[in-house]
Amino acid sequence: MNLYIVRHGQTDGNVNKIMDGIRDIDLNENGIEQAKTTRDNLKDIKFDLVICSPLSRTKHTMEIININNYPVIYDDRIKERDCGEFTGKGFESLDRDLYWNYYDTTKYEKAESIEHLFNRVYDFLNEIKEKYNNKTILLVTHEGITKTINCYFNGVPKDGNLQTLGLKNCEVAKYKL
């Protein structure tokens, strides 16, 4: 399977360094332009299926990219990490190095644990690997999910720090399953 991963286009929360998590916000004008550029870069690739997070910013990105009207499935397992009590707050409201460390065992009041995030994304990847063998799939998702997917294919860094593993807005990564 060829797996193409696209992170959604830019949002105002990205610009303002706000923890959006599963908050349902849309792209800003720059995010729309980023999605158009990504669409142009991917237009010659034939996808069998698009799997997309059901949040507005990913759906809008996918709608711009999917000019060939490939079939689309929405899957909650590739929604962004639930930031719980940090949702809507600035990056400075928590220690992001700790929050995005695979080995951290901090029990947050409401925020999703790294362990839960990894379990749901790995479950998703294992399922599509079995279901869509020999297909070319496009995933449209979020930065936290792209960090987890990176670890699925390349392993967790020795220090557990996932901060630098995520895709930038509308960046594309390709993996072979």
N, C-alpha and C. Protein backbone atom coordinates (compact mmCIF):
# COMPACT_ATOMS: atom_id res chain seq x y z
N MET A 1 0.83 -1.17 0.00
CA MET A 1 0.00 0.00 0.00
C MET A 1 0.88 1.24 0.00
N ASN A 2 0.50 2.20 -0.83
CA ASN A 2 1.13 3.52 -0.79
C ASN A 2 0.22 4.42 0.03
N LEU A 3 0.79 5.04 1.04
CA LEU A 3 0.03 5.86 1.95
C LEU A 3 0.59 7.28 1.91
N TYR A 4 -0.25 8.21 1.46
CA TYR A 4 0.11 9.62 1.44
C TYR A 4 -0.59 10.29 2.60
N ILE A 5 0.16 11.05 3.38
CA ILE A 5 -0.39 11.74 4.55
C ILE A 5 -0.29 13.24 4.28
N VAL A 6 -1.40 13.96 4.49
CA VAL A 6 -1.41 15.41 4.37
C VAL A 6 -1.95 15.98 5.67
N ARG A 7 -1.22 16.93 6.22
CA ARG A 7 -1.76 17.68 7.36
C ARG A 7 -2.63 18.80 6.79
N HIS A 8 -3.70 19.14 7.48
CA HIS A 8 -4.60 20.20 7.05
C HIS A 8 -3.87 21.53 6.85
N GLY A 9 -4.51 22.43 6.11
CA GLY A 9 -3.97 23.77 5.92
C GLY A 9 -4.02 24.59 7.20
N GLN A 10 -3.37 25.72 7.13
CA GLN A 10 -3.22 26.60 8.29
C GLN A 10 -4.56 27.12 8.82
N THR A 11 -4.62 27.24 10.14
CA THR A 11 -5.77 27.84 10.83
C THR A 11 -5.26 29.04 11.63
N ASP A 12 -6.19 29.86 12.09
CA ASP A 12 -5.79 30.98 12.96
C ASP A 12 -5.15 30.46 14.25
N GLY A 13 -5.63 29.32 14.73
CA GLY A 13 -5.04 28.71 15.92
C GLY A 13 -3.58 28.34 15.71
N ASN A 14 -3.24 27.85 14.50
CA ASN A 14 -1.84 27.54 14.20
C ASN A 14 -0.99 28.81 14.26
N VAL A 15 -1.48 29.87 13.65
CA VAL A 15 -0.75 31.14 13.61
C VAL A 15 -0.54 31.68 15.02
N ASN A 16 -1.58 31.60 15.84
CA ASN A 16 -1.55 32.19 17.19
C ASN A 16 -1.05 31.22 18.25
N LYS A 17 -0.58 30.05 17.83
CA LYS A 17 -0.03 29.03 18.75
C LYS A 17 -1.03 28.69 19.85
N ILE A 18 -2.23 28.30 19.38
CA ILE A 18 -3.32 27.90 20.26
C ILE A 18 -3.50 26.39 20.17
N MET A 19 -3.76 25.76 21.27
CA MET A 19 -4.02 24.32 21.32
C MET A 19 -5.46 24.10 20.86
N ASP A 20 -5.63 23.68 19.61
CA ASP A 20 -6.97 23.48 19.07
C ASP A 20 -7.52 22.09 19.37
N GLY A 21 -6.67 21.09 19.33
CA GLY A 21 -7.13 19.73 19.60
C GLY A 21 -8.30 19.35 18.73
N ILE A 22 -9.38 18.89 19.37
CA ILE A 22 -10.56 18.46 18.60
C ILE A 22 -11.59 19.58 18.42
N ARG A 23 -11.21 20.80 18.80
CA ARG A 23 -12.09 21.95 18.56
C ARG A 23 -12.29 22.09 17.05
N ASP A 24 -13.52 22.28 16.64
CA ASP A 24 -13.84 22.25 15.21
C ASP A 24 -13.73 23.65 14.61
N ILE A 25 -12.57 23.96 14.06
CA ILE A 25 -12.32 25.26 13.43
C ILE A 25 -11.94 25.04 11.97
N ASP A 26 -12.05 26.09 11.19
CA ASP A 26 -11.80 25.98 9.75
C ASP A 26 -10.45 26.60 9.38
N LEU A 27 -10.11 26.45 8.13
CA LEU A 27 -8.89 27.02 7.58
C LEU A 27 -8.98 28.54 7.51
N ASN A 28 -7.83 29.20 7.57
CA ASN A 28 -7.80 30.63 7.26
C ASN A 28 -7.47 30.77 5.77
N GLU A 29 -7.36 32.00 5.28
CA GLU A 29 -7.10 32.22 3.84
C GLU A 29 -5.79 31.58 3.40
N ASN A 30 -4.76 31.70 4.22
CA ASN A 30 -3.48 31.08 3.88
C ASN A 30 -3.61 29.56 3.81
N GLY A 31 -4.38 28.98 4.71
CA GLY A 31 -4.61 27.54 4.71
C GLY A 31 -5.30 27.07 3.44
N ILE A 32 -6.23 27.88 2.95
CA ILE A 32 -6.91 27.56 1.69
C ILE A 32 -5.90 27.57 0.54
N GLU A 33 -5.04 28.58 0.52
CA GLU A 33 -4.01 28.66 -0.54
C GLU A 33 -3.02 27.49 -0.43
N GLN A 34 -2.66 27.12 0.79
CA GLN A 34 -1.77 25.96 0.98
C GLN A 34 -2.41 24.70 0.42
N ALA A 35 -3.69 24.52 0.69
CA ALA A 35 -4.39 23.33 0.20
C ALA A 35 -4.43 23.31 -1.34
N LYS A 36 -4.59 24.47 -1.95
CA LYS A 36 -4.58 24.55 -3.41
C LYS A 36 -3.22 24.15 -3.98
N THR A 37 -2.16 24.58 -3.32
CA THR A 37 -0.81 24.19 -3.76
C THR A 37 -0.61 22.69 -3.61
N THR A 38 -1.06 22.13 -2.50
CA THR A 38 -0.95 20.69 -2.28
C THR A 38 -1.78 19.94 -3.32
N ARG A 39 -2.97 20.44 -3.62
CA ARG A 39 -3.80 19.84 -4.66
C ARG A 39 -3.03 19.77 -5.98
N ASP A 40 -2.38 20.87 -6.35
CA ASP A 40 -1.62 20.89 -7.61
C ASP A 40 -0.47 19.90 -7.58
N ASN A 41 0.15 19.73 -6.43
CA ASN A 41 1.27 18.79 -6.30
C ASN A 41 0.83 17.32 -6.34
N LEU A 42 -0.42 17.06 -5.96
CA LEU A 42 -0.92 15.68 -5.89
C LEU A 42 -1.85 15.31 -7.05
N LYS A 43 -2.15 16.25 -7.92
CA LYS A 43 -3.21 16.05 -8.92
C LYS A 43 -2.97 14.87 -9.87
N ASP A 44 -1.73 14.48 -10.08
CA ASP A 44 -1.44 13.39 -11.01
C ASP A 44 -1.35 12.01 -10.35
N ILE A 45 -1.55 11.98 -9.05
CA ILE A 45 -1.51 10.69 -8.33
C ILE A 45 -2.93 10.14 -8.28
N LYS A 46 -3.06 8.88 -8.65
CA LYS A 46 -4.38 8.23 -8.62
C LYS A 46 -4.56 7.55 -7.26
N PHE A 47 -5.51 8.05 -6.50
CA PHE A 47 -5.82 7.47 -5.20
C PHE A 47 -7.01 6.53 -5.34
N ASP A 48 -6.98 5.45 -4.59
CA ASP A 48 -8.12 4.55 -4.54
C ASP A 48 -9.15 5.04 -3.53
N LEU A 49 -8.67 5.76 -2.54
CA LEU A 49 -9.53 6.15 -1.43
C LEU A 49 -8.88 7.31 -0.68
N VAL A 50 -9.73 8.19 -0.13
CA VAL A 50 -9.29 9.24 0.77
C VAL A 50 -9.90 8.95 2.13
N ILE A 51 -9.08 8.98 3.17
CA ILE A 51 -9.58 8.83 4.54
C ILE A 51 -9.24 10.13 5.26
N CYS A 52 -10.25 10.71 5.89
CA CYS A 52 -10.12 12.07 6.41
C CYS A 52 -10.66 12.15 7.83
N SER A 53 -10.01 12.96 8.64
CA SER A 53 -10.56 13.32 9.94
C SER A 53 -11.86 14.09 9.69
N PRO A 54 -12.87 13.92 10.54
CA PRO A 54 -14.14 14.61 10.31
C PRO A 54 -14.18 16.07 10.76
N LEU A 55 -13.08 16.62 11.23
CA LEU A 55 -13.08 18.02 11.67
C LEU A 55 -13.04 18.96 10.47
N SER A 56 -13.60 20.15 10.63
CA SER A 56 -13.77 21.09 9.52
C SER A 56 -12.47 21.43 8.79
N ARG A 57 -11.38 21.64 9.53
CA ARG A 57 -10.13 22.04 8.87
C ARG A 57 -9.59 20.94 7.97
N THR A 58 -9.79 19.68 8.35
CA THR A 58 -9.32 18.58 7.49
C THR A 58 -10.30 18.36 6.35
N LYS A 59 -11.59 18.43 6.63
CA LYS A 59 -12.58 18.26 5.56
C LYS A 59 -12.42 19.32 4.48
N HIS A 60 -12.20 20.57 4.89
CA HIS A 60 -12.04 21.65 3.92
C HIS A 60 -10.76 21.42 3.09
N THR A 61 -9.69 21.02 3.74
CA THR A 61 -8.44 20.71 3.03
C THR A 61 -8.69 19.60 2.02
N MET A 62 -9.35 18.53 2.46
CA MET A 62 -9.62 17.39 1.59
C MET A 62 -10.48 17.80 0.39
N GLU A 63 -11.51 18.63 0.65
CA GLU A 63 -12.40 19.05 -0.44
C GLU A 63 -11.64 19.82 -1.52
N ILE A 64 -10.66 20.60 -1.11
CA ILE A 64 -9.84 21.34 -2.07
C ILE A 64 -8.91 20.40 -2.83
N ILE A 65 -8.31 19.45 -2.14
CA ILE A 65 -7.35 18.52 -2.75
C ILE A 65 -8.03 17.50 -3.65
N ASN A 66 -9.18 17.03 -3.27
CA ASN A 66 -9.82 15.88 -3.93
C ASN A 66 -10.59 16.30 -5.19
N ILE A 67 -9.86 16.87 -6.16
CA ILE A 67 -10.50 17.35 -7.39
C ILE A 67 -10.97 16.21 -8.29
N ASN A 68 -10.43 15.02 -8.08
CA ASN A 68 -10.84 13.87 -8.89
C ASN A 68 -11.99 13.09 -8.25
N ASN A 69 -12.52 13.61 -7.17
CA ASN A 69 -13.68 13.02 -6.48
C ASN A 69 -13.49 11.55 -6.12
N TYR A 70 -12.35 11.25 -5.53
CA TYR A 70 -12.13 9.90 -5.03
C TYR A 70 -13.08 9.64 -3.87
N PRO A 71 -13.44 8.38 -3.64
CA PRO A 71 -14.31 8.07 -2.50
C PRO A 71 -13.65 8.51 -1.19
N VAL A 72 -14.47 9.01 -0.27
CA VAL A 72 -13.97 9.53 1.01
C VAL A 72 -14.63 8.78 2.16
N ILE A 73 -13.81 8.42 3.14
CA ILE A 73 -14.28 7.86 4.41
C ILE A 73 -13.79 8.80 5.51
N TYR A 74 -14.67 9.11 6.46
CA TYR A 74 -14.28 9.91 7.62
C TYR A 74 -14.06 8.95 8.79
N ASP A 75 -12.97 9.17 9.52
CA ASP A 75 -12.64 8.26 10.62
C ASP A 75 -12.21 9.07 11.84
N ASP A 76 -12.93 8.89 12.95
CA ASP A 76 -12.62 9.60 14.18
C ASP A 76 -11.25 9.26 14.74
N ARG A 77 -10.71 8.11 14.38
CA ARG A 77 -9.41 7.71 14.94
C ARG A 77 -8.26 8.56 14.44
N ILE A 78 -8.49 9.36 13.39
CA ILE A 78 -7.43 10.26 12.93
C ILE A 78 -7.76 11.73 13.20
N LYS A 79 -8.68 11.95 14.17
CA LYS A 79 -8.87 13.30 14.70
C LYS A 79 -7.62 13.67 15.49
N GLU A 80 -7.43 14.96 15.70
CA GLU A 80 -6.29 15.43 16.49
C GLU A 80 -6.38 14.92 17.92
N ARG A 81 -5.25 14.92 18.61
CA ARG A 81 -5.22 14.57 20.03
C ARG A 81 -6.13 15.52 20.79
N ASP A 82 -6.95 14.97 21.65
CA ASP A 82 -7.85 15.78 22.47
C ASP A 82 -7.03 16.50 23.53
N CYS A 83 -6.96 17.82 23.45
CA CYS A 83 -6.16 18.62 24.38
C CYS A 83 -6.86 18.86 25.71
N GLY A 84 -8.11 18.39 25.82
CA GLY A 84 -8.83 18.50 27.09
C GLY A 84 -8.80 19.89 27.66
N GLU A 85 -8.28 20.01 28.87
CA GLU A 85 -8.26 21.28 29.60
C GLU A 85 -7.39 22.34 28.95
N PHE A 86 -6.55 21.97 27.98
CA PHE A 86 -5.68 22.94 27.31
C PHE A 86 -6.30 23.48 26.02
N THR A 87 -7.45 22.95 25.62
CA THR A 87 -8.11 23.38 24.39
C THR A 87 -8.40 24.87 24.42
N GLY A 88 -7.98 25.56 23.37
CA GLY A 88 -8.20 27.00 23.26
C GLY A 88 -7.17 27.84 23.98
N LYS A 89 -6.23 27.21 24.66
CA LYS A 89 -5.18 27.94 25.38
C LYS A 89 -3.92 28.01 24.55
N GLY A 90 -3.07 28.97 24.88
CA GLY A 90 -1.80 29.14 24.18
C GLY A 90 -0.82 28.03 24.51
N PHE A 91 0.15 27.85 23.60
CA PHE A 91 1.18 26.82 23.80
C PHE A 91 1.88 26.97 25.14
N GLU A 92 1.97 28.21 25.63
CA GLU A 92 2.70 28.45 26.88
C GLU A 92 1.94 27.92 28.11
N SER A 93 0.71 27.46 27.92
CA SER A 93 -0.09 26.99 29.05
C SER A 93 0.35 25.62 29.57
N LEU A 94 1.26 24.96 28.87
CA LEU A 94 1.76 23.67 29.33
C LEU A 94 3.16 23.45 28.80
N ASP A 95 3.82 22.46 29.34
CA ASP A 95 5.16 22.07 28.88
C ASP A 95 4.97 21.15 27.68
N ARG A 96 5.11 21.71 26.48
CA ARG A 96 4.86 20.94 25.26
C ARG A 96 5.88 19.82 25.06
N ASP A 97 7.10 19.99 25.53
CA ASP A 97 8.08 18.91 25.43
C ASP A 97 7.63 17.70 26.24
N LEU A 98 7.04 17.96 27.39
CA LEU A 98 6.52 16.88 28.22
C LEU A 98 5.23 16.32 27.62
N TYR A 99 4.34 17.19 27.19
CA TYR A 99 3.05 16.81 26.62
C TYR A 99 3.24 15.92 25.38
N TRP A 100 4.30 16.19 24.62
CA TRP A 100 4.58 15.41 23.41
C TRP A 100 5.76 14.47 23.61
N ASN A 101 5.91 13.95 24.82
CA ASN A 101 6.96 12.95 25.06
C ASN A 101 6.30 11.58 25.24
N TYR A 102 6.72 10.66 24.41
CA TYR A 102 6.14 9.31 24.41
C TYR A 102 6.21 8.64 25.77
N TYR A 103 7.24 8.92 26.53
CA TYR A 103 7.45 8.25 27.81
C TYR A 103 6.79 8.97 28.99
N ASP A 104 6.17 10.10 28.73
CA ASP A 104 5.53 10.85 29.81
C ASP A 104 4.29 10.11 30.31
N THR A 105 4.14 10.04 31.61
CA THR A 105 2.98 9.35 32.20
C THR A 105 2.08 10.32 32.98
N THR A 106 2.22 11.61 32.72
CA THR A 106 1.38 12.59 33.39
C THR A 106 -0.09 12.26 33.14
N LYS A 107 -0.88 12.29 34.19
CA LYS A 107 -2.32 12.07 34.09
C LYS A 107 -2.98 13.45 34.06
N TYR A 108 -3.44 13.83 32.89
CA TYR A 108 -4.12 15.12 32.74
C TYR A 108 -5.57 14.97 33.18
N GLU A 109 -6.17 16.10 33.51
CA GLU A 109 -7.57 16.08 33.95
C GLU A 109 -8.48 15.55 32.84
N LYS A 110 -8.31 16.09 31.62
CA LYS A 110 -9.16 15.69 30.50
C LYS A 110 -8.38 15.38 29.22
N ALA A 111 -7.17 15.88 29.10
CA ALA A 111 -6.40 15.72 27.87
C ALA A 111 -6.08 14.24 27.62
N GLU A 112 -6.11 13.88 26.35
CA GLU A 112 -5.83 12.50 25.94
C GLU A 112 -4.37 12.15 26.20
N SER A 113 -4.14 10.98 26.72
CA SER A 113 -2.77 10.53 26.98
C SER A 113 -2.09 10.12 25.68
N ILE A 114 -0.78 10.18 25.69
CA ILE A 114 0.01 9.71 24.53
C ILE A 114 -0.31 8.25 24.26
N GLU A 115 -0.42 7.46 25.31
CA GLU A 115 -0.69 6.02 25.15
C GLU A 115 -2.01 5.81 24.39
N HIS A 116 -3.05 6.54 24.79
CA HIS A 116 -4.34 6.39 24.11
C HIS A 116 -4.24 6.85 22.66
N LEU A 117 -3.57 7.97 22.43
CA LEU A 117 -3.37 8.47 21.07
C LEU A 117 -2.69 7.42 20.20
N PHE A 118 -1.59 6.87 20.68
CA PHE A 118 -0.86 5.85 19.91
C PHE A 118 -1.71 4.61 19.67
N ASN A 119 -2.45 4.18 20.67
CA ASN A 119 -3.29 2.99 20.50
C ASN A 119 -4.33 3.18 19.41
N ARG A 120 -5.00 4.33 19.41
CA ARG A 120 -6.05 4.53 18.40
C ARG A 120 -5.48 4.70 17.00
N VAL A 121 -4.35 5.39 16.86
CA VAL A 121 -3.77 5.59 15.54
C VAL A 121 -3.14 4.29 15.02
N TYR A 122 -2.46 3.56 15.88
CA TYR A 122 -1.86 2.28 15.46
C TYR A 122 -2.96 1.28 15.09
N ASP A 123 -4.07 1.28 15.83
CA ASP A 123 -5.20 0.42 15.50
C ASP A 123 -5.73 0.78 14.11
N PHE A 124 -5.87 2.06 13.84
CA PHE A 124 -6.31 2.54 12.53
C PHE A 124 -5.36 2.07 11.43
N LEU A 125 -4.06 2.29 11.63
CA LEU A 125 -3.08 1.91 10.61
C LEU A 125 -3.06 0.41 10.37
N ASN A 126 -3.13 -0.37 11.43
CA ASN A 126 -3.16 -1.83 11.27
C ASN A 126 -4.39 -2.27 10.48
N GLU A 127 -5.52 -1.62 10.74
CA GLU A 127 -6.75 -1.97 10.03
C GLU A 127 -6.67 -1.63 8.54
N ILE A 128 -6.20 -0.42 8.22
CA ILE A 128 -6.15 -0.07 6.79
C ILE A 128 -5.08 -0.87 6.05
N LYS A 129 -4.03 -1.25 6.75
CA LYS A 129 -2.99 -2.08 6.13
C LYS A 129 -3.59 -3.41 5.67
N GLU A 130 -4.45 -3.96 6.50
CA GLU A 130 -5.10 -5.24 6.18
C GLU A 130 -6.21 -5.06 5.13
N LYS A 131 -7.00 -4.01 5.29
CA LYS A 131 -8.16 -3.79 4.44
C LYS A 131 -7.83 -3.30 3.02
N TYR A 132 -6.80 -2.49 2.91
CA TYR A 132 -6.53 -1.82 1.65
C TYR A 132 -5.15 -2.15 1.09
N ASN A 133 -4.72 -3.37 1.30
CA ASN A 133 -3.45 -3.83 0.76
C ASN A 133 -3.43 -3.59 -0.75
N ASN A 134 -2.30 -3.18 -1.29
CA ASN A 134 -2.12 -2.91 -2.73
C ASN A 134 -2.94 -1.73 -3.24
N LYS A 135 -3.34 -0.82 -2.37
CA LYS A 135 -4.08 0.38 -2.77
C LYS A 135 -3.22 1.61 -2.51
N THR A 136 -3.64 2.72 -3.10
CA THR A 136 -3.00 4.00 -2.84
C THR A 136 -4.02 4.86 -2.10
N ILE A 137 -3.68 5.22 -0.87
CA ILE A 137 -4.60 5.89 0.05
C ILE A 137 -4.05 7.27 0.40
N LEU A 138 -4.95 8.26 0.46
CA LEU A 138 -4.61 9.59 0.94
C LEU A 138 -5.28 9.79 2.29
N LEU A 139 -4.49 10.15 3.31
CA LEU A 139 -5.02 10.50 4.63
C LEU A 139 -4.90 12.00 4.80
N VAL A 140 -5.98 12.64 5.23
CA VAL A 140 -5.94 14.07 5.54
C VAL A 140 -6.23 14.19 7.03
N THR A 141 -5.23 14.70 7.76
CA THR A 141 -5.31 14.61 9.21
C THR A 141 -4.61 15.79 9.87
N HIS A 142 -4.11 15.59 11.09
CA HIS A 142 -3.60 16.64 11.96
C HIS A 142 -2.15 16.38 12.36
N GLU A 143 -1.51 17.42 12.90
CA GLU A 143 -0.09 17.32 13.27
C GLU A 143 0.18 16.20 14.26
N GLY A 144 -0.62 16.11 15.32
CA GLY A 144 -0.39 15.06 16.33
C GLY A 144 -0.51 13.66 15.74
N ILE A 145 -1.42 13.50 14.80
CA ILE A 145 -1.57 12.19 14.15
C ILE A 145 -0.37 11.92 13.26
N THR A 146 0.15 12.95 12.59
CA THR A 146 1.33 12.74 11.74
C THR A 146 2.56 12.38 12.57
N LYS A 147 2.65 12.88 13.78
CA LYS A 147 3.74 12.50 14.69
C LYS A 147 3.65 11.01 15.01
N THR A 148 2.44 10.57 15.30
CA THR A 148 2.20 9.17 15.67
C THR A 148 2.45 8.26 14.48
N ILE A 149 2.01 8.65 13.29
CA ILE A 149 2.25 7.85 12.09
C ILE A 149 3.75 7.75 11.81
N ASN A 150 4.46 8.85 12.00
CA ASN A 150 5.91 8.82 11.83
C ASN A 150 6.54 7.76 12.73
N CYS A 151 6.09 7.69 13.97
CA CYS A 151 6.62 6.68 14.91
C CYS A 151 6.23 5.27 14.49
N TYR A 152 5.06 5.09 13.94
CA TYR A 152 4.62 3.78 13.47
C TYR A 152 5.60 3.23 12.43
N PHE A 153 6.05 4.10 11.54
CA PHE A 153 6.94 3.66 10.47
C PHE A 153 8.43 3.72 10.83
N ASN A 154 8.80 4.67 11.68
CA ASN A 154 10.22 4.89 11.96
C ASN A 154 10.64 4.61 13.39
N GLY A 155 9.69 4.24 14.24
CA GLY A 155 10.00 3.99 15.64
C GLY A 155 9.97 5.28 16.45
N VAL A 156 9.83 5.12 17.75
CA VAL A 156 9.81 6.25 18.68
C VAL A 156 11.26 6.66 18.94
N PRO A 157 11.56 7.96 18.91
CA PRO A 157 12.93 8.40 19.22
C PRO A 157 13.34 7.92 20.61
N LYS A 158 14.62 7.67 20.79
CA LYS A 158 15.12 7.17 22.08
C LYS A 158 14.74 8.06 23.25
N ASP A 159 14.75 9.38 23.03
CA ASP A 159 14.40 10.29 24.12
C ASP A 159 12.88 10.49 24.26
N GLY A 160 12.11 9.90 23.33
CA GLY A 160 10.65 10.00 23.40
C GLY A 160 10.07 11.31 22.91
N ASN A 161 10.91 12.27 22.53
CA ASN A 161 10.44 13.59 22.14
C ASN A 161 9.84 13.56 20.73
N LEU A 162 8.55 13.84 20.64
CA LEU A 162 7.83 13.80 19.36
C LEU A 162 7.65 15.19 18.75
N GLN A 163 8.14 16.22 19.42
CA GLN A 163 7.89 17.60 19.00
C GLN A 163 8.20 17.88 17.54
N THR A 164 9.29 17.37 17.02
CA THR A 164 9.72 17.71 15.66
C THR A 164 9.25 16.71 14.60
N LEU A 165 8.44 15.75 14.98
CA LEU A 165 8.06 14.68 14.05
C LEU A 165 6.82 14.96 13.22
N GLY A 166 6.09 16.00 13.52
CA GLY A 166 4.84 16.29 12.81
C GLY A 166 5.06 17.03 11.51
N LEU A 167 4.09 16.89 10.61
CA LEU A 167 4.14 17.61 9.34
C LEU A 167 3.72 19.06 9.54
N LYS A 168 4.23 19.93 8.69
CA LYS A 168 3.79 21.33 8.66
C LYS A 168 2.44 21.38 7.94
N ASN A 169 1.77 22.52 8.00
CA ASN A 169 0.47 22.66 7.34
C ASN A 169 0.59 22.34 5.85
N CYS A 170 -0.25 21.42 5.40
CA CYS A 170 -0.35 20.95 4.00
C CYS A 170 0.92 20.28 3.48
N GLU A 171 1.81 19.91 4.38
CA GLU A 171 2.98 19.12 3.97
C GLU A 171 2.51 17.69 3.70
N VAL A 172 3.20 17.02 2.79
CA VAL A 172 2.85 15.66 2.40
C VAL A 172 3.99 14.71 2.78
N ALA A 173 3.61 13.56 3.33
CA ALA A 173 4.58 12.49 3.58
C ALA A 173 4.05 11.24 2.88
N LYS A 174 4.97 10.40 2.43
CA LYS A 174 4.58 9.16 1.76
C LYS A 174 5.23 7.99 2.49
N TYR A 175 4.44 6.95 2.72
CA TYR A 175 4.91 5.73 3.37
C TYR A 175 4.44 4.55 2.54
N LYS A 176 5.18 3.47 2.65
CA LYS A 176 4.80 2.23 1.98
C LYS A 176 4.52 1.18 3.05
N LEU A 177 3.34 0.58 3.00
CA LEU A 177 2.95 -0.46 3.96
C LEU A 177 3.08 -1.81 3.30
